[in-house]
Protein backbone atom coordinates (compact mmCIF):
# COMPACT_ATOMS: atom_id res chain seq x y z
CA MET A 1 -61.13 -76.24 50.18
CA THR A 2 -61.66 -73.03 48.30
CA GLN A 3 -64.82 -71.34 47.05
CA SER A 4 -66.54 -72.88 43.95
CA PRO A 5 -68.73 -70.98 41.49
CA LEU A 6 -71.49 -73.46 42.34
CA LEU A 7 -71.60 -72.13 45.89
CA THR A 8 -73.29 -68.73 45.78
CA PRO A 9 -73.59 -66.52 48.78
CA ASP A 10 -77.34 -67.08 48.85
CA LEU A 11 -77.10 -70.81 48.85
CA ALA A 12 -74.29 -70.71 51.43
CA ALA A 13 -76.52 -68.64 53.65
CA LYS A 14 -79.37 -71.12 53.30
CA LEU A 15 -77.13 -74.09 54.19
CA ALA A 16 -75.79 -72.22 57.16
CA ARG A 17 -79.25 -71.48 58.38
CA LEU A 18 -80.07 -75.06 58.23
CA ALA A 19 -77.11 -76.02 60.38
CA LEU A 20 -77.84 -73.23 62.79
CA SER A 21 -81.37 -74.62 63.11
CA HIS A 22 -80.20 -77.86 64.60
CA VAL A 23 -76.68 -77.74 66.12
CA THR A 24 -78.14 -76.58 69.37
CA ARG A 25 -81.38 -78.62 69.03
CA GLU A 26 -80.97 -81.27 71.77
CA TYR A 27 -83.95 -83.41 70.99
CA PRO A 28 -84.68 -85.73 69.37
CA ASN A 29 -81.34 -87.42 69.98
CA ILE A 30 -79.64 -90.71 69.47
CA LEU A 31 -76.64 -91.37 71.62
CA ASP A 32 -73.52 -93.51 71.05
CA HIS A 33 -73.14 -93.99 74.73
CA VAL A 34 -71.92 -96.77 76.98
CA LEU A 35 -73.42 -96.72 80.50
CA ASN A 36 -70.71 -97.67 83.06
CA ASN A 37 -73.01 -97.05 85.91
CA SER A 38 -76.06 -95.09 86.97
CA ASP A 39 -74.10 -91.83 87.07
CA ASP A 40 -73.79 -92.08 83.23
CA VAL A 41 -77.57 -91.54 82.88
CA LYS A 42 -77.45 -87.89 81.67
CA SER A 43 -78.91 -85.81 78.95
CA PRO A 44 -77.15 -85.15 75.70
CA ARG A 45 -76.16 -81.69 76.79
CA GLU A 46 -74.72 -82.95 79.88
CA LEU A 47 -72.71 -85.56 78.19
CA HIS A 48 -71.50 -83.43 75.37
CA PRO A 49 -71.54 -79.71 76.22
CA VAL A 50 -70.28 -78.77 72.83
CA PHE A 51 -71.78 -81.31 70.29
CA PHE A 52 -75.14 -82.22 71.90
CA GLY A 53 -77.44 -81.20 68.98
CA SER A 54 -78.26 -82.28 65.43
CA PHE A 55 -79.90 -85.65 66.41
CA ASP A 56 -76.30 -87.30 67.05
CA TRP A 57 -72.87 -86.28 67.99
CA HIS A 58 -71.22 -86.67 64.54
CA SER A 59 -73.93 -84.78 62.66
CA CYS A 60 -73.38 -81.92 65.16
CA VAL A 61 -69.67 -81.93 64.51
CA HIS A 62 -70.03 -81.74 60.79
CA GLY A 63 -72.71 -79.09 61.18
CA TYR A 64 -69.98 -77.02 62.95
CA TRP A 65 -67.67 -77.76 59.96
CA LEU A 66 -70.29 -76.44 57.48
CA LEU A 67 -70.73 -73.36 59.57
CA ALA A 68 -66.99 -72.80 59.88
CA THR A 69 -66.60 -73.17 56.12
CA VAL A 70 -69.30 -70.67 55.36
CA GLU A 71 -67.88 -68.22 57.93
CA ARG A 72 -64.46 -68.33 56.09
CA LEU A 73 -65.75 -68.17 52.59
CA PHE A 74 -68.38 -65.58 53.01
CA PRO A 75 -67.35 -63.44 55.94
CA ALA A 76 -69.61 -60.59 54.99
CA LEU A 77 -72.90 -62.59 55.13
CA GLU A 78 -75.31 -61.61 57.74
CA VAL A 79 -75.51 -65.25 58.99
CA THR A 80 -71.80 -65.18 59.79
CA GLY A 81 -72.37 -63.03 62.78
CA GLU A 82 -74.64 -65.72 64.20
CA ILE A 83 -71.97 -68.33 63.51
CA ARG A 84 -69.29 -66.38 65.35
CA GLN A 85 -71.52 -65.85 68.39
CA LEU A 86 -72.20 -69.58 68.46
CA PHE A 87 -68.63 -70.50 68.24
CA ASP A 88 -67.65 -67.99 70.90
CA ALA A 89 -70.35 -69.53 73.22
CA GLN A 90 -69.67 -73.16 72.43
CA LEU A 91 -65.96 -73.69 71.47
CA THR A 92 -64.59 -72.85 75.05
CA PRO A 93 -61.91 -74.57 76.88
CA ALA A 94 -64.25 -75.75 79.63
CA LYS A 95 -66.83 -77.21 77.28
CA VAL A 96 -64.16 -78.93 75.16
CA GLN A 97 -62.46 -80.38 78.29
CA ALA A 98 -65.81 -82.04 79.16
CA GLU A 99 -65.90 -83.65 75.72
CA VAL A 100 -62.33 -84.83 76.23
CA GLU A 101 -63.02 -86.28 79.69
CA TYR A 102 -65.95 -88.16 78.20
CA LEU A 103 -63.61 -89.89 75.88
CA GLY A 104 -61.47 -91.07 78.87
CA GLN A 105 -64.05 -93.03 80.49
CA PRO A 106 -64.09 -96.91 80.33
CA LEU A 107 -65.41 -98.58 77.32
CA ARG A 108 -65.30 -95.51 75.10
CA ALA A 109 -62.41 -96.27 72.95
CA THR A 110 -64.63 -96.98 69.96
CA PHE A 111 -66.75 -93.91 70.54
CA GLU A 112 -67.72 -92.56 67.06
CA ARG A 113 -64.94 -94.66 65.34
CA PRO A 114 -64.15 -93.78 62.56
CA TYR A 115 -66.81 -91.40 61.16
CA GLY A 116 -66.88 -88.98 64.09
CA TRP A 117 -63.12 -89.04 64.39
CA GLY A 118 -62.63 -88.06 60.80
CA TRP A 119 -65.28 -85.18 61.02
CA LEU A 120 -63.71 -83.72 64.23
CA LEU A 121 -60.33 -83.58 62.56
CA MET A 122 -62.05 -82.03 59.45
CA LEU A 123 -63.53 -79.36 61.72
CA SER A 124 -60.12 -78.70 63.19
CA ALA A 125 -58.54 -78.42 59.67
CA GLU A 126 -61.10 -75.88 58.68
CA LEU A 127 -60.66 -73.85 61.75
CA SER A 128 -56.90 -73.68 60.94
CA ARG A 129 -57.65 -71.71 57.78
CA GLY A 130 -58.73 -68.12 57.37
CA SER A 131 -58.60 -65.14 59.72
CA ALA A 132 -56.58 -64.82 62.91
CA GLU A 133 -59.85 -64.51 64.79
CA ARG A 134 -60.40 -68.23 64.24
CA GLN A 135 -57.28 -69.19 66.10
CA LYS A 136 -59.15 -68.88 69.37
CA TRP A 137 -61.71 -71.47 68.34
CA ARG A 138 -59.13 -73.85 66.89
CA ASP A 139 -57.07 -73.60 70.12
CA ALA A 140 -60.13 -74.17 72.32
CA LEU A 141 -60.90 -77.30 70.25
CA SER A 142 -57.25 -78.53 70.32
CA PRO A 143 -57.36 -80.92 73.21
CA LEU A 144 -60.21 -82.81 71.58
CA THR A 145 -58.43 -82.72 68.18
CA THR A 146 -55.38 -84.23 69.79
CA ALA A 147 -57.37 -86.94 71.48
CA PHE A 148 -58.80 -88.09 68.09
CA ALA A 149 -55.58 -87.72 66.21
CA GLU A 150 -54.09 -90.01 68.87
CA ARG A 151 -56.90 -92.51 68.44
CA PHE A 152 -56.24 -92.81 64.77
CA LYS A 153 -52.43 -93.34 65.56
CA SER A 154 -53.33 -96.08 68.03
CA PHE A 155 -56.00 -97.73 66.02
CA LEU A 156 -54.74 -97.90 62.41
CA PRO A 157 -51.65 -100.01 63.04
CA LYS A 158 -53.88 -102.92 64.47
CA ALA A 159 -56.70 -102.44 61.78
CA THR A 160 -55.79 -105.39 59.66
CA TYR A 161 -58.77 -104.94 57.39
CA SER A 162 -60.58 -101.83 56.09
CA THR A 163 -64.40 -101.58 56.40
CA ARG A 164 -66.00 -101.26 52.95
CA VAL A 165 -69.54 -100.22 53.68
CA GLY A 166 -71.55 -97.24 52.69
CA THR A 167 -72.26 -95.94 56.16
CA HIS A 168 -70.57 -94.47 59.13
CA PHE A 169 -67.93 -97.34 59.49
CA ASN A 170 -66.42 -96.73 56.08
CA SER A 171 -62.66 -96.67 56.45
CA ALA A 172 -61.87 -94.74 53.31
CA PHE A 173 -64.06 -91.82 54.18
CA ALA A 174 -62.37 -91.30 57.62
CA ILE A 175 -59.01 -91.69 56.10
CA ALA A 176 -59.84 -88.98 53.53
CA LEU A 177 -60.98 -86.44 56.11
CA ALA A 178 -58.04 -87.21 58.50
CA LEU A 179 -55.65 -86.74 55.63
CA GLU A 180 -57.12 -83.29 55.08
CA TYR A 181 -56.33 -82.44 58.65
CA ALA A 182 -52.88 -83.96 58.61
CA ASP A 183 -51.87 -82.09 55.48
CA GLU A 184 -53.43 -78.84 56.70
CA VAL A 185 -51.55 -78.73 60.16
CA SER A 186 -48.38 -80.64 58.92
CA ASP A 187 -48.87 -83.55 61.34
CA THR A 188 -46.21 -85.61 59.47
CA GLY A 189 -46.56 -88.62 61.74
CA LEU A 190 -50.33 -89.08 61.17
CA GLU A 191 -50.03 -88.19 57.56
CA SER A 192 -47.49 -90.92 56.96
CA LEU A 193 -49.58 -93.48 58.85
CA LEU A 194 -52.75 -92.63 56.84
CA ARG A 195 -50.94 -92.87 53.55
CA LYS A 196 -49.32 -96.16 54.50
CA THR A 197 -52.67 -97.59 55.78
CA SER A 198 -54.61 -96.63 52.72
CA SER A 199 -52.01 -98.20 50.52
CA ARG A 200 -52.02 -101.32 52.55
CA TRP A 201 -55.74 -101.55 52.29
CA PHE A 202 -56.49 -100.36 48.78
CA LYS A 203 -53.39 -100.23 46.51
CA ASN A 204 -53.95 -103.56 44.78
CA ASP A 205 -57.62 -103.11 44.14
CA ALA A 206 -58.66 -103.23 40.47
CA ASP A 207 -61.71 -103.43 38.22
CA VAL A 208 -64.22 -102.32 40.80
CA GLN A 209 -67.54 -104.11 40.47
CA ALA A 210 -69.56 -101.52 42.46
CA TRP A 211 -72.30 -103.75 43.97
CA GLU A 212 -74.14 -100.77 45.28
CA PRO A 213 -76.09 -99.04 46.67
CA SER A 214 -77.33 -100.95 49.63
CA GLY A 215 -80.53 -99.70 51.29
CA GLU A 216 -78.82 -97.48 53.93
CA ASP A 217 -75.82 -96.21 52.09
CA PHE A 218 -74.90 -92.48 52.32
CA LEU A 219 -71.39 -93.20 50.95
CA SER A 220 -70.32 -95.09 47.85
CA PRO A 221 -67.80 -97.65 48.95
CA SER A 222 -66.22 -97.50 45.42
CA LEU A 223 -66.06 -93.75 44.77
CA MET A 224 -64.92 -93.13 48.43
CA GLU A 225 -62.11 -95.50 48.08
CA ALA A 226 -61.05 -93.59 44.81
CA GLU A 227 -61.32 -90.30 46.60
CA CYS A 228 -59.21 -91.57 49.54
CA MET A 229 -56.58 -92.86 47.23
CA ARG A 230 -56.47 -89.50 45.30
CA ARG A 231 -55.66 -87.81 48.54
CA ALA A 232 -53.11 -90.47 49.65
CA MET A 233 -51.16 -90.89 46.38
CA GLY A 234 -49.11 -88.64 44.18
CA SER A 235 -50.89 -87.58 41.06
CA SER A 236 -49.17 -89.73 38.44
CA GLU A 237 -49.29 -92.87 40.70
CA PHE A 238 -52.90 -92.11 41.44
CA LEU A 239 -53.86 -91.85 37.65
CA ASN A 240 -52.23 -95.20 36.97
CA TRP A 241 -54.18 -96.69 40.04
CA LEU A 242 -57.44 -95.11 38.82
CA ASP A 243 -57.07 -96.53 35.33
CA ARG A 244 -56.84 -100.02 36.90
CA PHE A 245 -59.67 -99.36 39.39
CA PHE A 246 -62.10 -97.91 36.81
CA PRO A 247 -60.94 -99.55 33.42
CA ARG A 248 -64.40 -99.15 31.94
CA LEU A 249 -65.11 -95.66 32.99
CA GLU A 250 -65.19 -94.28 29.45
CA ARG A 251 -68.26 -96.63 28.88
CA ARG A 252 -69.84 -95.34 32.05
CA GLU A 253 -69.40 -98.54 33.84
CA PRO A 254 -70.00 -99.86 36.50
CA VAL A 255 -73.58 -98.47 35.57
CA ALA A 256 -74.51 -98.25 39.29
CA LEU A 257 -72.08 -95.45 39.86
CA PHE A 258 -73.65 -93.17 37.26
CA THR A 259 -77.27 -93.95 38.38
CA PRO A 260 -78.62 -91.76 41.29
CA ALA A 261 -80.31 -93.68 44.04
CA ILE A 262 -84.08 -93.67 44.41
CA VAL A 263 -85.22 -92.37 47.85
CA SER A 264 -88.70 -93.72 48.53
CA ASP A 265 -89.41 -92.28 51.95
CA ARG A 266 -87.49 -89.24 53.29
CA SER A 267 -89.14 -89.45 56.72
CA ASP A 268 -87.36 -92.91 57.24
CA GLY A 269 -83.97 -91.98 58.59
CA ARG A 270 -82.22 -94.96 57.16
CA ILE A 271 -83.81 -94.70 53.55
CA ALA A 272 -83.01 -90.94 53.80
CA HIS A 273 -79.33 -91.82 53.81
CA LEU A 274 -79.70 -92.42 49.97
CA ASP A 275 -79.94 -88.55 49.46
CA GLY A 276 -76.64 -88.44 51.10
CA LEU A 277 -75.36 -91.10 48.82
CA ASN A 278 -76.30 -88.99 45.79
CA LEU A 279 -74.65 -85.90 47.28
CA SER A 280 -71.46 -87.66 48.30
CA ARG A 281 -71.19 -89.32 44.96
CA ALA A 282 -71.45 -85.88 43.47
CA TRP A 283 -68.69 -84.79 45.70
CA CYS A 284 -66.40 -87.67 44.77
CA TRP A 285 -67.10 -87.41 41.06
CA ARG A 286 -66.32 -83.69 40.94
CA SER A 287 -63.21 -84.13 43.00
CA LEU A 288 -62.05 -87.02 40.83
CA SER A 289 -62.67 -84.99 37.71
CA ARG A 290 -59.85 -82.67 38.59
CA THR A 291 -57.31 -85.37 38.23
CA TRP A 292 -57.68 -85.51 34.45
CA PRO A 293 -56.47 -82.81 32.12
CA ALA A 294 -59.01 -80.48 30.38
CA GLY A 295 -60.29 -82.11 27.22
CA ASP A 296 -59.95 -85.67 28.59
CA PRO A 297 -63.38 -87.37 27.97
CA ARG A 298 -63.13 -88.98 31.51
CA GLN A 299 -63.31 -85.47 33.06
CA THR A 300 -66.52 -84.65 31.13
CA ILE A 301 -67.93 -88.03 32.09
CA ALA A 302 -67.21 -87.52 35.78
CA LEU A 303 -68.57 -83.89 35.88
CA GLU A 304 -71.84 -85.01 34.18
CA ALA A 305 -72.24 -87.76 36.76
CA ALA A 306 -71.59 -85.24 39.53
CA ASP A 307 -74.19 -82.95 38.21
CA LYS A 308 -76.76 -85.75 37.72
CA HIS A 309 -76.43 -86.90 41.36
CA LEU A 310 -76.43 -83.39 42.68
CA GLY A 311 -79.64 -82.63 40.83
CA ALA A 312 -81.30 -85.69 42.21
CA SER A 313 -80.96 -84.84 45.90
CA MET A 314 -80.11 -81.14 46.32
CA PRO A 315 -83.84 -80.20 46.24
CA HIS A 316 -84.40 -82.53 49.34
CA VAL A 317 -81.71 -81.08 51.70
CA ALA A 318 -84.52 -79.67 53.78
CA GLY A 319 -87.97 -80.73 54.48
CA ASP A 320 -87.78 -83.64 57.06
CA TYR A 321 -85.55 -83.63 60.08
CA MET A 322 -84.31 -87.12 59.36
CA GLY A 323 -82.38 -85.58 56.46
CA GLU A 324 -82.37 -81.98 57.44
CA HIS A 325 -80.08 -82.62 60.43
CA TRP A 326 -77.13 -83.64 58.22
CA LEU A 327 -77.69 -83.42 54.49
CA ALA A 328 -76.67 -79.75 54.10
CA THR A 329 -73.11 -80.83 55.07
CA PHE A 330 -73.01 -83.26 52.22
CA ALA A 331 -74.48 -80.72 49.90
CA LEU A 332 -71.69 -78.28 50.79
CA LEU A 333 -69.05 -81.01 50.07
CA ALA A 334 -70.69 -81.51 46.64
CA LEU A 335 -70.62 -77.74 45.94
CA LEU A 336 -67.07 -76.98 46.79
């Protein structure tokens, strides 16, 4: 990912400050945690020495991704000094090893599958870019990265069906993030598996109906599938697939995909997901717009939809912790 004109230094600093305010905030906290015995009754920080903040493990991981991205794109910002200090303190071999050991315990094979898996690989991909100084953070994280890459390799061949929901279990979202990692680090085995799996699941889909949103969505099942296939396919093959998938796009149909979600209560953590839906739709529409040549009316339609969705929820990234502990990440995705 490269810098976008939409992402100004001031806005990047504000998003980074939001992430810094919660990645080491231990409570409140919701754990994805199987208790094997009484010894497993521990605090979030004891269980997860690196990713114990941000209300939940996966939000903490993608908070680190946000910070790593800002640190690379805007190295001269004052806030980047704080980011580097945090990474030096947290991304250490000993702390990462404790995270790896947690995964190895009984009944934890499905821990954070697949959303957290994808975000951990996305963080590793980001740390693989930029200055040589970042190498030490990537290397420290490497054992955990390897563990999740191996989990993808083990799980996907037996995943007969994709999961097509708008929440953490969405298969296309995880595949898209994992593909970014596999491409960045040249993990050809994982890359091939991800491409084959996405083709097996989605290649024959056509004329999407887009029965969305549901009341807790923060991902669009329809747009996320399209973004996944954009990453998984060659450009000409993808454009043919996209024409079949969105045959009525020039009429701005399905209408639901062009209509931002209404968020009735931002203090309700599940309803607040809908701000994330608007931001992730903006990300997908902007990303998909780049597949059409300049002057193609579909590009204009996609960019207008992206701007409309971004405008609906960007003002609400901060204000209530139920959204504040994660929405800045999706704002950054939408701005890149």
